[in-house]
N, C-alpha and C. Protein backbone atom coordinates (compact mmCIF):
# COMPACT_ATOMS: atom_id res chain seq x y z
N SER A 1 83.00 282.93 74.42
CA SER A 1 82.16 282.15 73.54
C SER A 1 81.75 283.00 72.35
N ASP A 2 81.50 282.39 71.23
CA ASP A 2 81.13 283.07 69.99
C ASP A 2 82.16 284.11 69.59
N ASN A 3 83.43 283.80 69.82
CA ASN A 3 84.55 284.69 69.47
C ASN A 3 84.48 286.03 70.18
N ASP A 4 83.82 286.10 71.31
CA ASP A 4 83.75 287.34 72.08
C ASP A 4 84.95 287.39 73.02
N GLU A 5 85.87 288.24 72.70
CA GLU A 5 87.10 288.36 73.49
C GLU A 5 87.07 289.58 74.39
N SER A 6 85.92 290.19 74.56
CA SER A 6 85.85 291.44 75.32
C SER A 6 86.27 291.25 76.78
N ALA A 7 85.87 290.14 77.41
CA ALA A 7 86.25 289.89 78.81
C ALA A 7 87.77 289.72 78.93
N TYR A 8 88.35 289.00 77.98
CA TYR A 8 89.81 288.80 77.97
C TYR A 8 90.53 290.13 77.81
N ARG A 9 90.09 290.92 76.85
CA ARG A 9 90.72 292.22 76.61
C ARG A 9 90.54 293.16 77.80
N GLU A 10 89.39 293.08 78.45
CA GLU A 10 89.16 293.90 79.63
C GLU A 10 90.11 293.50 80.76
N GLU A 11 90.33 292.20 80.94
CA GLU A 11 91.28 291.74 81.97
C GLU A 11 92.70 292.25 81.70
N VAL A 12 93.10 292.26 80.43
CA VAL A 12 94.43 292.77 80.07
C VAL A 12 94.52 294.25 80.41
N GLN A 13 93.46 295.00 80.11
CA GLN A 13 93.45 296.44 80.42
C GLN A 13 93.47 296.67 81.93
N LEU A 14 92.71 295.86 82.69
CA LEU A 14 92.73 295.98 84.15
C LEU A 14 94.11 295.66 84.72
N LEU A 15 94.77 294.66 84.17
CA LEU A 15 96.12 294.32 84.61
C LEU A 15 97.07 295.47 84.32
N THR A 16 96.96 296.05 83.14
CA THR A 16 97.82 297.17 82.77
C THR A 16 97.60 298.35 83.71
N ALA A 17 96.34 298.65 84.01
CA ALA A 17 96.02 299.76 84.91
C ALA A 17 96.52 299.48 86.33
N TRP A 18 96.34 298.22 86.78
CA TRP A 18 96.80 297.86 88.12
C TRP A 18 98.31 298.01 88.24
N CYS A 19 99.04 297.56 87.23
CA CYS A 19 100.50 297.69 87.24
C CYS A 19 100.92 299.16 87.28
N ALA A 20 100.21 300.00 86.53
CA ALA A 20 100.52 301.43 86.54
C ALA A 20 100.23 302.04 87.90
N ASP A 21 99.15 301.60 88.55
CA ASP A 21 98.77 302.13 89.87
C ASP A 21 99.81 301.82 90.94
N ILE A 22 100.42 300.66 90.86
CA ILE A 22 101.42 300.29 91.89
C ILE A 22 102.84 300.49 91.39
N HIS A 23 102.97 301.27 90.32
CA HIS A 23 104.27 301.69 89.79
C HIS A 23 105.12 300.52 89.29
N LEU A 24 104.46 299.55 88.66
CA LEU A 24 105.18 298.47 87.99
C LEU A 24 105.15 298.75 86.49
N ALA A 25 106.25 298.52 85.84
CA ALA A 25 106.32 298.74 84.39
C ALA A 25 106.21 297.39 83.68
N LEU A 26 105.22 297.27 82.81
CA LEU A 26 105.08 296.06 82.00
C LEU A 26 105.97 296.23 80.77
N ASN A 27 106.84 295.28 80.55
CA ASN A 27 107.69 295.32 79.36
C ASN A 27 106.96 294.56 78.26
N SER A 28 106.27 295.29 77.40
CA SER A 28 105.47 294.65 76.36
C SER A 28 106.33 293.98 75.30
N ASN A 29 107.62 294.34 75.23
CA ASN A 29 108.52 293.65 74.30
C ASN A 29 108.83 292.23 74.75
N LYS A 30 108.75 291.98 76.06
CA LYS A 30 109.00 290.64 76.59
C LYS A 30 107.72 289.86 76.84
N THR A 31 106.59 290.51 76.70
CA THR A 31 105.30 289.87 76.93
C THR A 31 104.90 289.06 75.71
N LYS A 32 104.43 287.86 75.93
CA LYS A 32 104.00 286.96 74.85
C LYS A 32 102.55 286.56 75.08
N GLU A 33 101.86 286.31 73.99
CA GLU A 33 100.48 285.83 74.08
C GLU A 33 100.42 284.44 73.45
N LEU A 34 99.89 283.49 74.21
CA LEU A 34 99.72 282.13 73.74
C LEU A 34 98.23 281.80 73.79
N ILE A 35 97.66 281.45 72.66
CA ILE A 35 96.23 281.14 72.59
C ILE A 35 96.06 279.63 72.56
N VAL A 36 95.37 279.11 73.56
CA VAL A 36 95.04 277.69 73.61
C VAL A 36 93.58 277.58 73.22
N ASP A 37 93.34 276.98 72.06
CA ASP A 37 92.00 276.91 71.50
C ASP A 37 91.73 275.49 71.03
N PHE A 38 90.82 274.79 71.68
CA PHE A 38 90.54 273.40 71.35
C PHE A 38 89.33 273.23 70.43
N ARG A 39 88.82 274.33 69.90
CA ARG A 39 87.69 274.20 68.99
C ARG A 39 88.14 273.51 67.71
N ARG A 40 87.20 272.82 67.09
CA ARG A 40 87.53 272.09 65.86
C ARG A 40 87.85 273.04 64.72
N SER A 41 87.13 274.14 64.64
CA SER A 41 87.39 275.10 63.56
C SER A 41 88.31 276.18 64.10
N ARG A 42 89.55 276.14 63.69
CA ARG A 42 90.54 277.13 64.13
C ARG A 42 90.69 278.24 63.12
N GLY A 43 89.69 278.40 62.24
CA GLY A 43 89.79 279.36 61.16
C GLY A 43 89.68 280.81 61.62
N CYS A 44 89.10 281.06 62.78
CA CYS A 44 88.91 282.45 63.20
C CYS A 44 90.24 283.06 63.64
N MET A 45 90.41 284.28 63.24
CA MET A 45 91.63 285.01 63.60
C MET A 45 91.36 285.85 64.84
N HIS A 46 92.29 285.89 65.73
CA HIS A 46 92.18 286.69 66.94
C HIS A 46 92.94 288.00 66.72
N ASN A 47 92.33 289.09 67.11
CA ASN A 47 93.00 290.38 66.99
C ASN A 47 94.13 290.45 68.01
N PRO A 48 95.22 291.11 67.66
CA PRO A 48 96.34 291.19 68.59
C PRO A 48 96.00 292.05 69.81
N ILE A 49 96.65 291.71 70.91
CA ILE A 49 96.50 292.46 72.15
C ILE A 49 97.52 293.61 72.14
N HIS A 50 97.14 294.75 72.68
CA HIS A 50 98.04 295.89 72.79
C HIS A 50 98.18 296.25 74.26
N ILE A 51 99.42 296.46 74.67
CA ILE A 51 99.70 296.94 76.02
C ILE A 51 100.48 298.24 75.87
N ASN A 52 99.91 299.30 76.43
CA ASN A 52 100.51 300.64 76.33
C ASN A 52 100.84 301.01 74.89
N GLY A 53 99.97 300.65 73.98
CA GLY A 53 100.15 301.01 72.58
C GLY A 53 101.06 300.11 71.79
N THR A 54 101.66 299.11 72.43
CA THR A 54 102.57 298.19 71.75
C THR A 54 101.87 296.85 71.55
N GLU A 55 101.97 296.32 70.34
CA GLU A 55 101.35 295.03 70.05
C GLU A 55 102.14 293.91 70.71
N VAL A 56 101.42 293.01 71.37
CA VAL A 56 102.03 291.87 72.06
C VAL A 56 102.25 290.76 71.03
N GLU A 57 103.45 290.17 71.07
CA GLU A 57 103.79 289.10 70.13
C GLU A 57 103.02 287.83 70.47
N ARG A 58 102.44 287.22 69.44
CA ARG A 58 101.72 285.96 69.61
C ARG A 58 102.68 284.82 69.27
N VAL A 59 102.75 283.82 70.15
CA VAL A 59 103.65 282.69 69.95
C VAL A 59 102.86 281.39 70.01
N SER A 60 103.43 280.34 69.43
CA SER A 60 102.79 279.03 69.50
C SER A 60 103.32 278.20 70.66
N SER A 61 104.47 278.59 71.21
CA SER A 61 105.02 277.93 72.40
C SER A 61 106.01 278.86 73.07
N PHE A 62 106.22 278.64 74.35
CA PHE A 62 107.24 279.40 75.08
C PHE A 62 107.65 278.63 76.32
N ARG A 63 108.74 279.07 76.91
CA ARG A 63 109.30 278.44 78.09
C ARG A 63 108.95 279.29 79.30
N PHE A 64 108.27 278.69 80.28
CA PHE A 64 107.86 279.40 81.49
C PHE A 64 108.29 278.58 82.70
N LEU A 65 109.13 279.16 83.53
CA LEU A 65 109.66 278.50 84.73
C LEU A 65 110.25 277.13 84.43
N GLY A 66 110.95 277.03 83.30
CA GLY A 66 111.62 275.80 82.94
C GLY A 66 110.77 274.78 82.23
N VAL A 67 109.50 275.11 81.95
CA VAL A 67 108.60 274.18 81.29
C VAL A 67 108.22 274.75 79.93
N ASN A 68 108.37 273.95 78.87
CA ASN A 68 107.98 274.37 77.53
C ASN A 68 106.50 274.10 77.34
N ILE A 69 105.74 275.17 77.09
CA ILE A 69 104.29 275.08 76.93
C ILE A 69 103.95 275.40 75.48
N SER A 70 103.11 274.57 74.85
CA SER A 70 102.71 274.83 73.47
C SER A 70 101.21 275.13 73.41
N ASP A 71 100.77 275.69 72.28
CA ASP A 71 99.37 276.07 72.16
C ASP A 71 98.43 274.87 72.07
N TYR A 72 98.94 273.69 71.76
CA TYR A 72 98.12 272.48 71.76
C TYR A 72 98.25 271.72 73.08
N LEU A 73 99.02 272.27 74.01
CA LEU A 73 99.34 271.63 75.29
C LEU A 73 99.93 270.24 75.08
N SER A 74 100.77 270.15 74.07
CA SER A 74 101.53 268.93 73.81
C SER A 74 102.86 269.08 74.55
N TRP A 75 103.28 268.03 75.19
CA TRP A 75 104.48 268.12 76.03
C TRP A 75 105.70 267.48 75.36
N THR A 76 105.63 267.23 74.07
CA THR A 76 106.74 266.58 73.36
C THR A 76 107.99 267.43 73.38
N HIS A 77 107.85 268.72 73.11
CA HIS A 77 109.03 269.61 73.11
C HIS A 77 109.64 269.67 74.51
N ASN A 78 108.80 269.76 75.53
CA ASN A 78 109.28 269.81 76.91
C ASN A 78 110.02 268.52 77.26
N THR A 79 109.45 267.38 76.89
CA THR A 79 110.07 266.09 77.20
C THR A 79 111.41 265.94 76.49
N SER A 80 111.46 266.31 75.23
CA SER A 80 112.72 266.17 74.49
C SER A 80 113.81 267.08 75.05
N SER A 81 113.45 268.27 75.51
CA SER A 81 114.48 269.14 76.10
C SER A 81 114.96 268.59 77.44
N LEU A 82 114.07 267.98 78.22
CA LEU A 82 114.48 267.37 79.48
C LEU A 82 115.41 266.18 79.23
N ILE A 83 115.07 265.38 78.24
CA ILE A 83 115.91 264.22 77.91
C ILE A 83 117.29 264.66 77.46
N LYS A 84 117.33 265.71 76.68
CA LYS A 84 118.63 266.23 76.21
C LYS A 84 119.49 266.68 77.38
N LYS A 85 118.89 267.40 78.34
CA LYS A 85 119.63 267.84 79.52
C LYS A 85 120.11 266.65 80.35
N ALA A 86 119.24 265.67 80.51
CA ALA A 86 119.60 264.49 81.31
C ALA A 86 120.74 263.71 80.66
N HIS A 87 120.73 263.61 79.32
CA HIS A 87 121.82 262.91 78.62
C HIS A 87 123.15 263.62 78.82
N GLN A 88 123.12 264.94 78.87
CA GLN A 88 124.35 265.68 79.11
C GLN A 88 124.91 265.37 80.50
N CYS A 89 124.04 265.23 81.47
CA CYS A 89 124.49 264.90 82.82
C CYS A 89 124.91 263.44 82.94
N LEU A 90 124.32 262.56 82.16
CA LEU A 90 124.73 261.16 82.18
C LEU A 90 126.18 261.00 81.75
N PHE A 91 126.64 261.87 80.87
CA PHE A 91 128.04 261.84 80.45
C PHE A 91 128.94 262.01 81.67
N PHE A 92 128.60 262.97 82.54
CA PHE A 92 129.42 263.21 83.73
C PHE A 92 129.30 262.06 84.73
N LEU A 93 128.14 261.43 84.79
CA LEU A 93 127.98 260.27 85.66
C LEU A 93 128.88 259.13 85.21
N ARG A 94 128.95 258.92 83.89
CA ARG A 94 129.84 257.88 83.37
C ARG A 94 131.30 258.21 83.68
N ARG A 95 131.66 259.46 83.57
CA ARG A 95 133.05 259.87 83.89
C ARG A 95 133.36 259.62 85.36
N LEU A 96 132.42 259.91 86.23
CA LEU A 96 132.63 259.67 87.66
C LEU A 96 132.75 258.18 87.95
N LYS A 97 131.99 257.37 87.23
CA LYS A 97 132.06 255.92 87.42
C LYS A 97 133.43 255.39 86.99
N LYS A 98 133.99 255.94 85.92
CA LYS A 98 135.32 255.51 85.46
C LYS A 98 136.41 255.82 86.46
N VAL A 99 136.18 256.84 87.30
CA VAL A 99 137.16 257.21 88.32
C VAL A 99 137.03 256.32 89.55
N HIS A 100 136.07 255.38 89.52
CA HIS A 100 135.84 254.41 90.58
C HIS A 100 135.40 255.07 91.89
N LEU A 101 134.45 256.00 91.77
CA LEU A 101 133.87 256.58 92.98
C LEU A 101 132.90 255.58 93.59
N SER A 102 132.61 255.78 94.86
CA SER A 102 131.73 254.84 95.55
C SER A 102 130.31 254.92 94.97
N PRO A 103 129.58 253.79 95.03
CA PRO A 103 128.21 253.80 94.52
C PRO A 103 127.32 254.84 95.21
N GLN A 104 127.58 255.11 96.48
CA GLN A 104 126.78 256.09 97.20
C GLN A 104 126.96 257.49 96.59
N ILE A 105 128.16 257.84 96.21
CA ILE A 105 128.42 259.14 95.58
C ILE A 105 127.77 259.19 94.20
N LEU A 106 127.83 258.08 93.46
CA LEU A 106 127.20 258.04 92.14
C LEU A 106 125.68 258.20 92.24
N VAL A 107 125.08 257.53 93.23
CA VAL A 107 123.64 257.65 93.44
C VAL A 107 123.29 259.08 93.85
N ASN A 108 124.11 259.67 94.70
CA ASN A 108 123.91 261.06 95.11
C ASN A 108 123.95 262.00 93.90
N PHE A 109 124.95 261.79 93.05
CA PHE A 109 125.08 262.62 91.85
C PHE A 109 123.85 262.45 90.96
N TYR A 110 123.41 261.20 90.79
CA TYR A 110 122.23 260.93 89.96
C TYR A 110 121.00 261.65 90.51
N ARG A 111 120.77 261.52 91.81
CA ARG A 111 119.58 262.13 92.41
C ARG A 111 119.63 263.65 92.39
N CYS A 112 120.80 264.19 92.60
CA CYS A 112 120.91 265.66 92.65
C CYS A 112 120.87 266.30 91.27
N THR A 113 121.32 265.63 90.24
CA THR A 113 121.37 266.26 88.92
C THR A 113 120.33 265.68 87.97
N ILE A 114 120.46 264.43 87.64
CA ILE A 114 119.62 263.83 86.60
C ILE A 114 118.17 263.69 87.05
N GLU A 115 117.96 263.14 88.24
CA GLU A 115 116.59 262.97 88.72
C GLU A 115 115.89 264.30 88.92
N SER A 116 116.62 265.30 89.39
CA SER A 116 115.99 266.61 89.59
C SER A 116 115.60 267.26 88.25
N ILE A 117 116.36 267.00 87.21
CA ILE A 117 116.01 267.50 85.88
C ILE A 117 114.75 266.81 85.38
N LEU A 118 114.70 265.50 85.49
CA LEU A 118 113.58 264.73 84.95
C LEU A 118 112.27 264.95 85.72
N THR A 119 112.37 265.32 86.99
CA THR A 119 111.16 265.49 87.80
C THR A 119 110.78 266.96 87.98
N ASN A 120 111.47 267.86 87.32
CA ASN A 120 111.16 269.29 87.43
C ASN A 120 109.75 269.56 86.92
N CYS A 121 108.87 270.06 87.77
CA CYS A 121 107.47 270.40 87.44
C CYS A 121 106.72 269.20 86.85
N ILE A 122 107.05 268.01 87.30
CA ILE A 122 106.46 266.80 86.73
C ILE A 122 104.94 266.75 86.92
N THR A 123 104.44 267.36 87.97
CA THR A 123 102.99 267.35 88.20
C THR A 123 102.25 268.18 87.16
N VAL A 124 102.95 269.08 86.50
CA VAL A 124 102.33 269.91 85.47
C VAL A 124 102.20 269.15 84.16
N TRP A 125 103.26 268.48 83.73
CA TRP A 125 103.29 267.94 82.37
C TRP A 125 103.16 266.42 82.26
N TYR A 126 103.49 265.66 83.26
CA TYR A 126 103.56 264.20 83.08
C TYR A 126 102.19 263.58 82.84
N GLY A 127 101.16 264.05 83.47
CA GLY A 127 99.83 263.46 83.33
C GLY A 127 99.29 263.52 81.91
N ASN A 128 99.75 264.49 81.12
CA ASN A 128 99.27 264.64 79.75
C ASN A 128 100.31 264.27 78.71
N CYS A 129 101.37 263.62 79.12
CA CYS A 129 102.40 263.18 78.18
C CYS A 129 101.87 262.04 77.31
N SER A 130 102.38 261.98 76.11
CA SER A 130 102.01 260.86 75.24
C SER A 130 102.76 259.61 75.69
N VAL A 131 102.31 258.48 75.24
CA VAL A 131 102.96 257.21 75.58
C VAL A 131 104.41 257.21 75.08
N ALA A 132 104.63 257.74 73.89
CA ALA A 132 105.98 257.80 73.33
C ALA A 132 106.89 258.66 74.18
N ASP A 133 106.37 259.78 74.69
CA ASP A 133 107.18 260.64 75.55
C ASP A 133 107.51 259.96 76.88
N ARG A 134 106.55 259.22 77.42
CA ARG A 134 106.81 258.51 78.68
C ARG A 134 107.85 257.43 78.50
N LYS A 135 107.81 256.74 77.36
CA LYS A 135 108.82 255.72 77.10
C LYS A 135 110.20 256.33 76.92
N ALA A 136 110.25 257.51 76.32
CA ALA A 136 111.54 258.18 76.11
C ALA A 136 112.16 258.59 77.43
N LEU A 137 111.32 258.91 78.41
CA LEU A 137 111.84 259.27 79.72
C LEU A 137 112.45 258.06 80.40
């Protein structure tokens, strides 16, 4: 609160120390910082975080465990990437249908590929999807 980031910075330092204690190496080149800030005035600048003397890159979105997360917690990018993947698999489903495979095999293919793509981490992102994103799915 009141732009006091001392607790956050202390947690980063504790994490760095803990990793050093158990002989884990933090790769600060692969570490990203995403700031989610819902305040109306976004004018304040946040100082960069440093891990082992290296500045951590600040990003507005990134992909974590197959889910695209943005700083506004908007799921549009995530939904569009899922739709793109599902469309690629639909091409193969159409090809299998042209070969006159049984409906059971086609349903199996759909459930194993397309449905699994569309429902990946759905409990994380679906509840906050926009109406347009839900219709696109």
